[in-house]
PDB file of N, CA and C in Angstrom:
ATOM      1  N   MET A   1       7.142 127.323-149.685  1.00  0.00           N
ATOM      2  CA  MET A   1       8.682 127.716-150.505  1.00  0.00           C
ATOM      3  C   MET A   1       9.251 128.823-150.728  1.00  0.00           C
ATOM      4  N   THR A   2      10.183 129.280-150.458  1.00  0.00           N
ATOM      5  CA  THR A   2      10.783 130.851-150.308  1.00  0.00           C
ATOM      6  C   THR A   2      11.455 130.795-151.434  1.00  0.00           C
ATOM      7  N   ASP A   3      11.209 131.996-151.841  1.00  0.00           N
ATOM      8  CA  ASP A   3      12.145 132.230-153.181  1.00  0.00           C
ATOM      9  C   ASP A   3      13.580 132.735-152.772  1.00  0.00           C
ATOM     10  N   ALA A   4      14.354 132.753-153.495  1.00  0.00           N
ATOM     11  CA  ALA A   4      15.737 132.910-153.859  1.00  0.00           C
ATOM     12  C   ALA A   4      15.730 134.236-153.419  1.00  0.00           C
ATOM     13  N   LEU A   5      15.440 135.461-153.618  1.00  0.00           N
ATOM     14  CA  LEU A   5      15.269 136.752-153.358  1.00  0.00           C
ATOM     15  C   LEU A   5      15.198 136.891-152.008  1.00  0.00           C
ATOM     16  N   GLU A   6      13.777 136.402-151.591  1.00  0.00           N
ATOM     17  CA  GLU A   6      13.239 136.253-150.429  1.00  0.00           C
ATOM     18  C   GLU A   6      13.981 135.823-149.315  1.00  0.00           C
ATOM     19  N   ARG A   7      14.606 134.834-149.702  1.00  0.00           N
ATOM     20  CA  ARG A   7      15.757 133.851-148.810  1.00  0.00           C
ATOM     21  C   ARG A   7      17.051 134.930-148.452  1.00  0.00           C
ATOM     22  N   ASP A   8      17.173 135.406-149.294  1.00  0.00           N
ATOM     23  CA  ASP A   8      18.661 135.932-149.757  1.00  0.00           C
ATOM     24  C   ASP A   8      18.413 137.334-148.567  1.00  0.00           C
ATOM     25  N   ALA A   9      17.004 137.874-148.781  1.00  0.00           N
ATOM     26  CA  ALA A   9      16.741 139.146-148.018  1.00  0.00           C
ATOM     27  C   ALA A   9      16.505 138.994-146.215  1.00  0.00           C
ATOM     28  N   LEU A  10      15.750 137.481-145.638  1.00  0.00           N
ATOM     29  CA  LEU A  10      15.741 137.102-144.848  1.00  0.00           C
ATOM     30  C   LEU A  10      17.578 136.907-144.350  1.00  0.00           C
ATOM     31  N   TRP A  11      18.406 136.074-145.029  1.00  0.00           N
ATOM     32  CA  TRP A  11      19.430 135.952-144.888  1.00  0.00           C
ATOM     33  C   TRP A  11      20.393 136.908-144.565  1.00  0.00           C
ATOM     34  N   GLU A  12      20.204 137.859-144.811  1.00  0.00           N
ATOM     35  CA  GLU A  12      20.902 139.315-144.546  1.00  0.00           C
ATOM     36  C   GLU A  12      20.212 139.916-142.885  1.00  0.00           C
ATOM     37  N   ASP A  13      18.817 140.289-143.273  1.00  0.00           N
ATOM     38  CA  ASP A  13      18.234 140.513-142.201  1.00  0.00           C
ATOM     39  C   ASP A  13      19.090 139.702-140.763  1.00  0.00           C
ATOM     40  N   PHE A  14      18.480 138.165-140.917  1.00  0.00           N
ATOM     41  CA  PHE A  14      18.707 137.565-139.842  1.00  0.00           C
ATOM     42  C   PHE A  14      20.562 137.649-139.169  1.00  0.00           C
ATOM     43  N   HIS A  15      21.301 138.007-140.054  1.00  0.00           N
ATOM     44  CA  HIS A  15      22.766 138.088-139.851  1.00  0.00           C
ATOM     45  C   HIS A  15      23.202 139.498-139.571  1.00  0.00           C
ATOM     46  N   ARG A  16      22.045 140.542-139.692  1.00  0.00           N
ATOM     47  CA  ARG A  16      22.067 141.830-138.904  1.00  0.00           C
ATOM     48  C   ARG A  16      21.683 141.694-137.447  1.00  0.00           C
ATOM     49  N   VAL A  17      20.663 141.108-137.180  1.00  0.00           N
ATOM     50  CA  VAL A  17      19.934 141.143-135.986  1.00  0.00           C
ATOM     51  C   VAL A  17      20.560 140.286-134.895  1.00  0.00           C
ATOM     52  N   VAL A  18      21.185 138.878-135.934  1.00  0.00           N
ATOM     53  CA  VAL A  18      21.789 137.777-135.173  1.00  0.00           C
ATOM     54  C   VAL A  18      23.406 138.451-134.775  1.00  0.00           C
ATOM     55  N   ASN A  19      23.881 139.320-133.777  1.00  0.00           N
ATOM     56  CA  ASN A  19      25.447 140.226-133.839  1.00  0.00           C
ATOM     57  C   ASN A  19      26.247 138.763-132.645  1.00  0.00           C
ATOM     58  N   MET A  20      25.841 137.863-132.385  1.00  0.00           N
ATOM     59  CA  MET A  20      26.724 136.889-131.599  1.00  0.00           C
ATOM     60  C   MET A  20      27.123 135.700-132.609  1.00  0.00           C
ATOM     61  N   THR A  21      28.219 135.230-132.422  1.00  0.00           N
ATOM     62  CA  THR A  21      28.472 135.176-133.367  1.00  0.00           C
ATOM     63  C   THR A  21      28.142 133.134-132.556  1.00  0.00           C
ATOM     64  N   SER A  22      28.537 131.783-133.151  1.00  0.00           N
ATOM     65  CA  SER A  22      28.440 131.218-132.897  1.00  0.00           C
ATOM     66  C   SER A  22      29.037 130.675-131.487  1.00  0.00           C
ATOM     67  N   GLN A  23      30.097 130.640-131.588  1.00  0.00           N
ATOM     68  CA  GLN A  23      30.882 130.567-130.440  1.00  0.00           C
ATOM     69  C   GLN A  23      30.603 130.918-129.017  1.00  0.00           C
ATOM     70  N   GLU A  24      30.298 132.445-128.908  1.00  0.00           N
ATOM     71  CA  GLU A  24      29.769 133.624-127.399  1.00  0.00           C
ATOM     72  C   GLU A  24      28.148 133.242-127.661  1.00  0.00           C
ATOM     73  N   LEU A  25      27.094 132.768-128.870  1.00  0.00           N
ATOM     74  CA  LEU A  25      26.056 131.510-128.651  1.00  0.00           C
ATOM     75  C   LEU A  25      26.307 130.808-127.462  1.00  0.00           C
ATOM     76  N   ALA A  26      26.847 129.907-128.274  1.00  0.00           N
ATOM     77  CA  ALA A  26      26.857 128.486-127.243  1.00  0.00           C
ATOM     78  C   ALA A  26      27.222 128.562-125.923  1.00  0.00           C
ATOM     79  N   ALA A  27      28.489 129.247-125.817  1.00  0.00           N
ATOM     80  CA  ALA A  27      28.894 129.906-124.415  1.00  0.00           C
ATOM     81  C   ALA A  27      27.683 130.556-123.616  1.00  0.00           C
ATOM     82  N   TRP A  28      26.605 131.299-124.239  1.00  0.00           N
ATOM     83  CA  TRP A  28      25.792 132.007-123.673  1.00  0.00           C
ATOM     84  C   TRP A  28      24.631 130.743-123.277  1.00  0.00           C
ATOM     85  N   LEU A  29      24.444 130.111-124.056  1.00  0.00           N
ATOM     86  CA  LEU A  29      23.623 128.973-123.925  1.00  0.00           C
ATOM     87  C   LEU A  29      23.626 128.346-122.865  1.00  0.00           C
ATOM     88  N   ARG A  30      25.022 127.508-122.512  1.00  0.00           N
ATOM     89  CA  ARG A  30      25.271 126.922-121.631  1.00  0.00           C
ATOM     90  C   ARG A  30      25.785 127.732-120.260  1.00  0.00           C
ATOM     91  N   VAL A  31      25.644 129.166-120.025  1.00  0.00           N
ATOM     92  CA  VAL A  31      25.803 129.451-119.056  1.00  0.00           C
ATOM     93  C   VAL A  31      24.375 129.548-118.320  1.00  0.00           C
ATOM     94  N   ARG A  32      23.429 130.653-119.447  1.00  0.00           N
ATOM     95  CA  ARG A  32      22.149 130.701-118.912  1.00  0.00           C
ATOM     96  C   ARG A  32      21.079 129.674-118.524  1.00  0.00           C
ATOM     97  N   TYR A  33      21.713 128.364-119.322  1.00  0.00           N
ATOM     98  CA  TYR A  33      20.735 127.157-118.756  1.00  0.00           C
ATOM     99  C   TYR A  33      21.143 126.175-117.832  1.00  0.00           C
ATOM    100  N   ALA A  34      22.405 126.165-117.414  1.00  0.00           N
ATOM    101  CA  ALA A  34      23.357 125.784-116.776  1.00  0.00           C
ATOM    102  C   ALA A  34      22.660 125.787-115.298  1.00  0.00           C
ATOM    103  N   GLY A  35      22.308 124.234-114.272  1.00  0.00           N
ATOM    104  CA  GLY A  35      21.716 124.566-113.331  1.00  0.00           C
ATOM    105  C   GLY A  35      21.290 122.799-113.041  1.00  0.00           C
ATOM    106  N   GLU A  36      20.764 122.241-111.835  1.00  0.00           N
ATOM    107  CA  GLU A  36      20.868 121.299-111.788  1.00  0.00           C
ATOM    108  C   GLU A  36      19.575 120.571-112.375  1.00  0.00           C
ATOM    109  N   GLU A  37      18.689 121.235-112.078  1.00  0.00           N
ATOM    110  CA  GLU A  37      17.211 121.369-112.852  1.00  0.00           C
ATOM    111  C   GLU A  37      16.821 121.263-114.159  1.00  0.00           C
ATOM    112  N   THR A  38      17.881 122.713-115.094  1.00  0.00           N
ATOM    113  CA  THR A  38      17.204 123.243-116.015  1.00  0.00           C
ATOM    114  C   THR A  38      18.057 122.420-117.495  1.00  0.00           C
ATOM    115  N   GLU A  39      19.292 122.033-117.257  1.00  0.00           N
ATOM    116  CA  GLU A  39      20.097 121.386-118.026  1.00  0.00           C
ATOM    117  C   GLU A  39      19.614 120.095-118.791  1.00  0.00           C
ATOM    118  N   PRO A  40      19.140 120.384-119.879  1.00  0.00           N
ATOM    119  CA  PRO A  40      18.442 119.392-120.660  1.00  0.00           C
ATOM    120  C   PRO A  40      19.736 118.107-120.938  1.00  0.00           C
ATOM    121  N   LEU A  41      20.847 118.193-121.903  1.00  0.00           N
ATOM    122  CA  LEU A  41      21.943 117.715-122.184  1.00  0.00           C
ATOM    123  C   LEU A  41      23.260 118.497-121.967  1.00  0.00           C
ATOM    124  N   PRO A  42      24.093 117.967-121.395  1.00  0.00           N
ATOM    125  CA  PRO A  42      25.098 118.648-121.910  1.00  0.00           C
ATOM    126  C   PRO A  42      25.986 119.659-123.233  1.00  0.00           C
ATOM    127  N   GLU A  43      25.657 118.290-124.107  1.00  0.00           N
ATOM    128  CA  GLU A  43      26.166 118.733-125.334  1.00  0.00           C
ATOM    129  C   GLU A  43      25.055 119.675-126.181  1.00  0.00           C
ATOM    130  N   GLU A  44      23.399 120.209-125.424  1.00  0.00           N
ATOM    131  CA  GLU A  44      22.387 120.627-126.088  1.00  0.00           C
ATOM    132  C   GLU A  44      21.908 121.744-125.370  1.00  0.00           C
ATOM    133  N   PRO A  45      22.920 122.667-124.206  1.00  0.00           N
ATOM    134  CA  PRO A  45      21.846 123.678-123.476  1.00  0.00           C
ATOM    135  C   PRO A  45      21.421 124.760-124.342  1.00  0.00           C
ATOM    136  N   GLY A  46      20.191 125.393-123.476  1.00  0.00           N
ATOM    137  CA  GLY A  46      19.093 126.468-124.000  1.00  0.00           C
ATOM    138  C   GLY A  46      18.329 125.788-124.347  1.00  0.00           C
ATOM    139  N   SER A  47      17.528 126.851-124.785  1.00  0.00           N
ATOM    140  CA  SER A  47      15.779 126.514-125.667  1.00  0.00           C
ATOM    141  C   SER A  47      16.113 125.999-126.911  1.00  0.00           C
ATOM    142  N   PRO A  48      15.053 125.261-127.204  1.00  0.00           N
ATOM    143  CA  PRO A  48      15.361 124.502-128.668  1.00  0.00           C
ATOM    144  C   PRO A  48      15.447 125.923-130.086  1.00  0.00           C
ATOM    145  N   THR A  49      14.642 127.301-129.893  1.00  0.00           N
ATOM    146  CA  THR A  49      15.103 128.272-130.296  1.00  0.00           C
ATOM    147  C   THR A  49      16.487 128.567-130.656  1.00  0.00           C
ATOM    148  N   GLY A  50      17.064 128.613-129.486  1.00  0.00           N
ATOM    149  CA  GLY A  50      18.324 129.170-129.247  1.00  0.00           C
ATOM    150  C   GLY A  50      19.270 128.005-129.784  1.00  0.00           C
ATOM    151  N   GLN A  51      19.169 127.194-129.911  1.00  0.00           N
ATOM    152  CA  GLN A  51      19.770 125.344-130.225  1.00  0.00           C
ATOM    153  C   GLN A  51      19.651 125.518-131.788  1.00  0.00           C
ATOM    154  N   HIS A  52      18.348 125.856-132.427  1.00  0.00           N
ATOM    155  CA  HIS A  52      18.098 126.137-133.890  1.00  0.00           C
ATOM    156  C   HIS A  52      19.027 127.477-134.281  1.00  0.00           C
ATOM    157  N   VAL A  53      19.199 128.401-133.434  1.00  0.00           N
ATOM    158  CA  VAL A  53      19.923 129.475-133.909  1.00  0.00           C
ATOM    159  C   VAL A  53      21.491 129.551-134.404  1.00  0.00           C
ATOM    160  N   LEU A  54      21.546 128.754-133.107  1.00  0.00           N
ATOM    161  CA  LEU A  54      22.741 127.938-133.036  1.00  0.00           C
ATOM    162  C   LEU A  54      23.401 127.200-134.606  1.00  0.00           C
ATOM    163  N   ALA A  55      22.156 126.104-134.705  1.00  0.00           N
ATOM    164  CA  ALA A  55      22.815 125.353-135.815  1.00  0.00           C
ATOM    165  C   ALA A  55      22.619 126.490-137.667  1.00  0.00           C
ATOM    166  N   ILE A  56      21.735 127.345-137.313  1.00  0.00           N
ATOM    167  CA  ILE A  56      21.659 128.102-138.323  1.00  0.00           C
ATOM    168  C   ILE A  56      22.871 128.924-138.687  1.00  0.00           C
ATOM    169  N   LEU A  57      23.699 129.548-137.918  1.00  0.00           N
ATOM    170  CA  LEU A  57      24.703 130.317-137.600  1.00  0.00           C
ATOM    171  C   LEU A  57      25.834 129.146-138.229  1.00  0.00           C
ATOM    172  N   GLN A  58      25.616 127.984-138.425  1.00  0.00           N
ATOM    173  CA  GLN A  58      27.055 127.299-138.782  1.00  0.00           C
ATOM    174  C   GLN A  58      26.312 126.501-140.206  1.00  0.00           C
ATOM    175  N   LYS A  59      25.467 127.187-140.638  1.00  0.00           N
ATOM    176  CA  LYS A  59      25.157 126.340-141.967  1.00  0.00           C
ATOM    177  C   LYS A  59      25.258 127.643-143.196  1.00  0.00           C
ATOM    178  N   ARG A  60      25.244 127.105-144.600  1.00  0.00           N
ATOM    179  CA  ARG A  60      25.524 127.875-145.882  1.00  0.00           C
ATOM    180  C   ARG A  60      23.900 128.409-146.126  1.00  0.00           C
ATOM    181  N   ARG A  61      23.897 129.456-146.813  1.00  0.00           N
ATOM    182  CA  ARG A  61      22.520 130.083-147.348  1.00  0.00           C
ATOM    183  C   ARG A  61      21.976 129.186-148.315  1.00  0.00           C
ATOM    184  N   MET A  62      22.894 128.356-148.888  1.00  0.00           N
ATOM    185  CA  MET A  62      21.842 127.205-149.756  1.00  0.00           C
ATOM    186  C   MET A  62      21.640 125.750-148.997  1.00  0.00           C
ATOM    187  N   ASP A  63      22.056 125.549-147.830  1.00  0.00           N
ATOM    188  CA  ASP A  63      21.653 124.827-146.879  1.00  0.00           C
ATOM    189  C   ASP A  63      20.141 125.166-146.005  1.00  0.00           C
ATOM    190  N   LEU A  64      19.361 125.834-146.019  1.00  0.00           N
ATOM    191  CA  LEU A  64      18.937 126.351-145.133  1.00  0.00           C
ATOM    192  C   LEU A  64      17.337 125.426-145.663  1.00  0.00           C
ATOM    193  N   THR A  65      16.765 124.803-144.391  1.00  0.00           N
ATOM    194  CA  THR A  65      15.840 124.475-144.462  1.00  0.00           C
ATOM    195  C   THR A  65      14.492 124.809-144.536  1.00  0.00           C
ATOM    196  N   GLU A  66      13.314 124.626-144.885  1.00  0.00           N
ATOM    197  CA  GLU A  66      11.930 125.418-144.729  1.00  0.00           C
ATOM    198  C   GLU A  66      12.051 126.224-142.892  1.00  0.00           C
ATOM    199  N   ASP A  67      12.065 124.934-142.361  1.00  0.00           N
ATOM    200  CA  ASP A  67      12.359 125.247-140.728  1.00  0.00           C
ATOM    201  C   ASP A  67      13.303 126.105-140.356  1.00  0.00           C
ATOM    202  N   ASP A  68      14.634 126.386-140.691  1.00  0.00           N
ATOM    203  CA  ASP A  68      15.407 126.972-140.277  1.00  0.00           C
ATOM    204  C   ASP A  68      14.919 128.732-141.169  1.00  0.00           C
ATOM    205  N   ILE A  69      13.939 128.562-142.021  1.00  0.00           N
ATOM    206  CA  ILE A  69      13.364 129.962-142.965  1.00  0.00           C
ATOM    207  C   ILE A  69      12.591 130.339-141.410  1.00  0.00           C
ATOM    208  N   ARG A  70      11.637 129.430-141.159  1.00  0.00           N
ATOM    209  CA  ARG A  70      10.423 130.307-140.337  1.00  0.00           C
ATOM    210  C   ARG A  70      11.226 130.326-139.030  1.00  0.00           C
ATOM    211  N   VAL A  71      12.467 129.876-138.527  1.00  0.00           N
ATOM    212  CA  VAL A  71      13.449 130.391-137.087  1.00  0.00           C
ATOM    213  C   VAL A  71      13.777 131.808-137.557  1.00  0.00           C
ATOM    214  N   MET A  72      14.034 131.815-138.877  1.00  0.00           N
ATOM    215  CA  MET A  72      14.802 132.793-138.554  1.00  0.00           C
ATOM    216  C   MET A  72      13.678 134.365-138.972  1.00  0.00           C
ATOM    217  N   ARG A  73      12.805 133.744-139.718  1.00  0.00           N
ATOM    218  CA  ARG A  73      12.229 135.174-139.389  1.00  0.00           C
ATOM    219  C   ARG A  73      11.225 135.273-137.990  1.00  0.00           C
ATOM    220  N   LYS A  74      10.857 134.440-137.216  1.00  0.00           N
ATOM    221  CA  LYS A  74      10.721 134.441-136.136  1.00  0.00           C
ATOM    222  C   LYS A  74      11.724 135.559-135.119  1.00  0.00           C
ATOM    223  N   VAL A  75      13.118 134.783-135.376  1.00  0.00           N
ATOM    224  CA  VAL A  75      14.365 135.890-134.307  1.00  0.00           C
ATOM    225  C   VAL A  75      14.085 137.244-134.687  1.00  0.00           C
ATOM    226  N   VAL A  76      13.847 137.498-136.653  1.00  0.00           N
ATOM    227  CA  VAL A  76      14.193 138.902-137.091  1.00  0.00           C
ATOM    228  C   VAL A  76      13.075 139.363-136.623  1.00  0.00           C
ATOM    229  N   ASP A  77      11.989 138.867-136.343  1.00  0.00           N
ATOM    230  CA  ASP A  77      10.446 139.878-136.137  1.00  0.00           C
ATOM    231  C   ASP A  77      10.480 139.929-134.536  1.00  0.00           C
ATOM    232  N   THR A  78      11.464 139.118-133.930  1.00  0.00           N
ATOM    233  CA  THR A  78      11.687 139.205-132.315  1.00  0.00           C
ATOM    234  C   THR A  78      12.289 140.335-131.605  1.00  0.00           C
ATOM    235  N   VAL A  79      13.663 140.455-132.387  1.00  0.00           N
ATOM    236  CA  VAL A  79      15.054 141.198-132.170  1.00  0.00           C
ATOM    237  C   VAL A  79      13.844 142.600-132.604  1.00  0.00           C
ATOM    238  N   THR A  80      13.458 142.400-133.783  1.00  0.00           N
ATOM    239  CA  THR A  80      13.050 143.920-134.352  1.00  0.00           C
ATOM    240  C   THR A  80      11.998 144.606-133.662  1.00  0.00           C
ATOM    241  N   ALA A  81      10.959 143.947-132.899  1.00  0.00           N
ATOM    242  CA  ALA A  81       9.769 144.460-132.346  1.00  0.00           C
ATOM    243  C   ALA A  81      10.507 144.499-130.849  1.00  0.00           C
ATOM    244  N   GLU A  82      11.578 143.636-130.489  1.00  0.00           N
ATOM    245  CA  GLU A  82      11.371 144.027-128.622  1.00  0.00           C
ATOM    246  C   GLU A  82      13.191 145.210-128.552  1.00  0.00           C
ATOM    247  N   ALA A  83      14.006 145.023-129.442  1.00  0.00           N
ATOM    248  CA  ALA A  83      15.255 145.662-129.488  1.00  0.00           C
ATOM    249  C   ALA A  83      14.994 146.569-129.932  1.00  0.00           C
ATOM    250  N   ASP A  84      15.934 147.945-129.250  1.00  0.00           N
ATOM    251  CA  ASP A  84      15.486 148.921-129.730  1.00  0.00           C
ATOM    252  C   ASP A  84      16.930 149.368-130.737  1.00  0.00           C
ATOM    253  N   LEU A  85      17.069 148.756-131.915  1.00  0.00           N
ATOM    254  CA  LEU A  85      18.570 149.140-132.870  1.00  0.00           C
ATOM    255  C   LEU A  85      19.014 149.894-133.471  1.00  0.00           C
ATOM    256  N   GLU A  86      18.047 151.283-133.250  1.00  0.00           N
ATOM    257  CA  GLU A  86      18.191 152.760-133.458  1.00  0.00           C
ATOM    258  C   GLU A  86      19.633 153.186-132.346  1.00  0.00           C
ATOM    259  N   ASN A  87      19.286 153.142-131.041  1.00  0.00           N
ATOM    260  CA  ASN A  87      19.393 154.109-130.146  1.00  0.00           C
ATOM    261  C   ASN A  87      20.401 152.849-129.243  1.00  0.00           C
ATOM    262  N   GLU A  88      20.889 153.888-128.367  1.00  0.00           N
ATOM    263  CA  GLU A  88      22.320 153.199-127.542  1.00  0.00           C
ATOM    264  C   GLU A  88      21.574 152.192-126.781  1.00  0.00           C
ATOM    265  N   PRO A  89      21.699 150.878-126.450  1.00  0.00           N
ATOM    266  CA  PRO A  89      21.057 150.119-125.496  1.00  0.00           C
ATOM    267  C   PRO A  89      21.437 150.062-123.938  1.00  0.00           C
ATOM    268  N   GLU A  90      19.986 150.245-123.487  1.00  0.00           N
ATOM    269  CA  GLU A  90      19.959 150.255-121.957  1.00  0.00           C
ATOM    270  C   GLU A  90      20.505 149.081-121.031  1.00  0.00           C
ATOM    271  N   ALA A  91      21.357 149.340-120.341  1.00  0.00           N
ATOM    272  CA  ALA A  91      22.300 148.223-119.652  1.00  0.00           C
ATOM    273  C   ALA A  91      21.637 147.801-118.251  1.00  0.00           C
ATOM    274  N   ALA A  92      20.498 148.577-118.357  1.00  0.00           N
ATOM    275  CA  ALA A  92      19.507 148.255-116.918  1.00  0.00           C
ATOM    276  C   ALA A  92      18.774 146.869-116.920  1.00  0.00           C
ATOM    277  N   ASP A  93      18.400 146.966-118.158  1.00  0.00           N
ATOM    278  CA  ASP A  93      17.372 145.792-118.544  1.00  0.00           C
ATOM    279  C   ASP A  93      17.888 144.649-119.204  1.00  0.00           C
ATOM    280  N   THR A  94      18.246 143.744-118.206  1.00  0.00           N
ATOM    281  CA  THR A  94      18.875 142.623-117.785  1.00  0.00           C
ATOM    282  C   THR A  94      18.208 141.623-118.376  1.00  0.00           C
ATOM    283  N   HIS A  95      16.621 141.675-117.939  1.00  0.00           N
ATOM    284  CA  HIS A  95      16.014 140.477-118.344  1.00  0.00           C
ATOM    285  C   HIS A  95      15.759 140.252-120.276  1.00  0.00           C
ATOM    286  N   LEU A  96      15.816 141.929-120.738  1.00  0.00           N
ATOM    287  CA  LEU A  96      15.454 142.008-122.200  1.00  0.00           C
ATOM    288  C   LEU A  96      17.092 141.016-122.682  1.00  0.00           C
ATOM    289  N   ARG A  97      17.725 142.253-121.777  1.00  0.00           N
ATOM    290  CA  ARG A  97      18.898 141.887-122.663  1.00  0.00           C
ATOM    291  C   ARG A  97      19.330 140.114-122.756  1.00  0.00           C
ATOM    292  N   HIS A  98      19.036 139.723-121.775  1.00  0.00           N
ATOM    293  CA  HIS A  98      19.023 137.939-121.439  1.00  0.00           C
ATOM    294  C   HIS A  98      18.144 136.727-122.446  1.00  0.00           C
ATOM    295  N   ARG A  99      17.544 137.712-122.597  1.00  0.00           N
ATOM    296  CA  ARG A  99      16.525 137.329-123.615  1.00  0.00           C
ATOM    297  C   ARG A  99      16.677 137.048-124.766  1.00  0.00           C
ATOM    298  N   LEU A 100      16.789 138.509-125.159  1.00  0.00           N
ATOM    299  CA  LEU A 100      17.595 138.568-126.546  1.00  0.00           C
ATOM    300  C   LEU A 100      18.423 137.829-127.304  1.00  0.00           C
ATOM    301  N   MET A 101      19.413 138.061-125.691  1.00  0.00           N
ATOM    302  CA  MET A 101      20.951 137.071-126.192  1.00  0.00           C
ATOM    303  C   MET A 101      20.623 135.617-126.270  1.00  0.00           C
ATOM    304  N   THR A 102      19.653 135.001-125.744  1.00  0.00           N
ATOM    305  CA  THR A 102      18.938 133.431-126.080  1.00  0.00           C
ATOM    306  C   THR A 102      19.035 133.390-127.573  1.00  0.00           C
ATOM    307  N   LEU A 103      18.277 134.512-128.783  1.00  0.00           N
ATOM    308  CA  LEU A 103      18.065 134.603-129.589  1.00  0.00           C
ATOM    309  C   LEU A 103      19.369 135.127-130.741  1.00  0.00           C
ATOM    310  N   GLY A 104      20.610 135.329-129.922  1.00  0.00           N
ATOM    311  CA  GLY A 104      21.605 135.885-130.720  1.00  0.00           C
ATOM    312  C   GLY A 104      21.620 137.110-130.485  1.00  0.00           C
ATOM    313  N   HIS A 105      21.198 137.991-130.087  1.00  0.00           N
ATOM    314  CA  HIS A 105      21.135 139.055-130.274  1.00  0.00           C
ATOM    315  C   HIS A 105      21.565 140.020-129.035  1.00  0.00           C
ATOM    316  N   ASP A 106      23.118 140.003-128.849  1.00  0.00           N
ATOM    317  CA  ASP A 106      23.428 141.750-127.427  1.00  0.00           C
ATOM    318  C   ASP A 106      23.099 142.991-127.593  1.00  0.00           C
ATOM    319  N   PRO A 107      22.042 143.301-126.806  1.00  0.00           N
ATOM    320  CA  PRO A 107      22.029 144.713-127.176  1.00  0.00           C
ATOM    321  C   PRO A 107      23.324 145.717-126.715  1.00  0.00           C
ATOM    322  N   LEU A 108      24.020 145.026-126.119  1.00  0.00           N
ATOM    323  CA  LEU A 108      25.294 145.847-125.599  1.00  0.00           C
ATOM    324  C   LEU A 108      26.574 145.496-126.815  1.00  0.00           C
ATOM    325  N   LYS A 109      26.359 144.306-127.150  1.00  0.00           N
ATOM    326  CA  LYS A 109      26.972 144.491-128.149  1.00  0.00           C
ATOM    327  C   LYS A 109      27.300 145.568-129.630  1.00  0.00           C
ATOM    328  N   PRO A 110      28.492 146.221-129.827  1.00  0.00           N
ATOM    329  CA  PRO A 110      28.382 147.382-131.059  1.00  0.00           C
ATOM    330  C   PRO A 110      28.089 146.478-132.472  1.00  0.00           C
TER     331      PRO A 110
END
């Protein structure tokens, strides 16, 4: 179980790296995973992690589950490791951008 201070810090980190709104992420997941063979359900497009990030964005801090906290840590760690949060983003790396956008982070968004 996570204590309140740790949960608050993770909440802040998560919302710092997840710079897409829930509407932007939902739209991206629909576009990214649309296709004859890839879209599982119209109401739940995207990867399980992307769907979980979307669900977390719609929650209050006090409603987080341990599973939410696990996903939030994973997202913060992945975005921090893969995105260059300090420098201007490179538009050329489309694959990296799309992978990060699936987690709710658009490197080209200010």
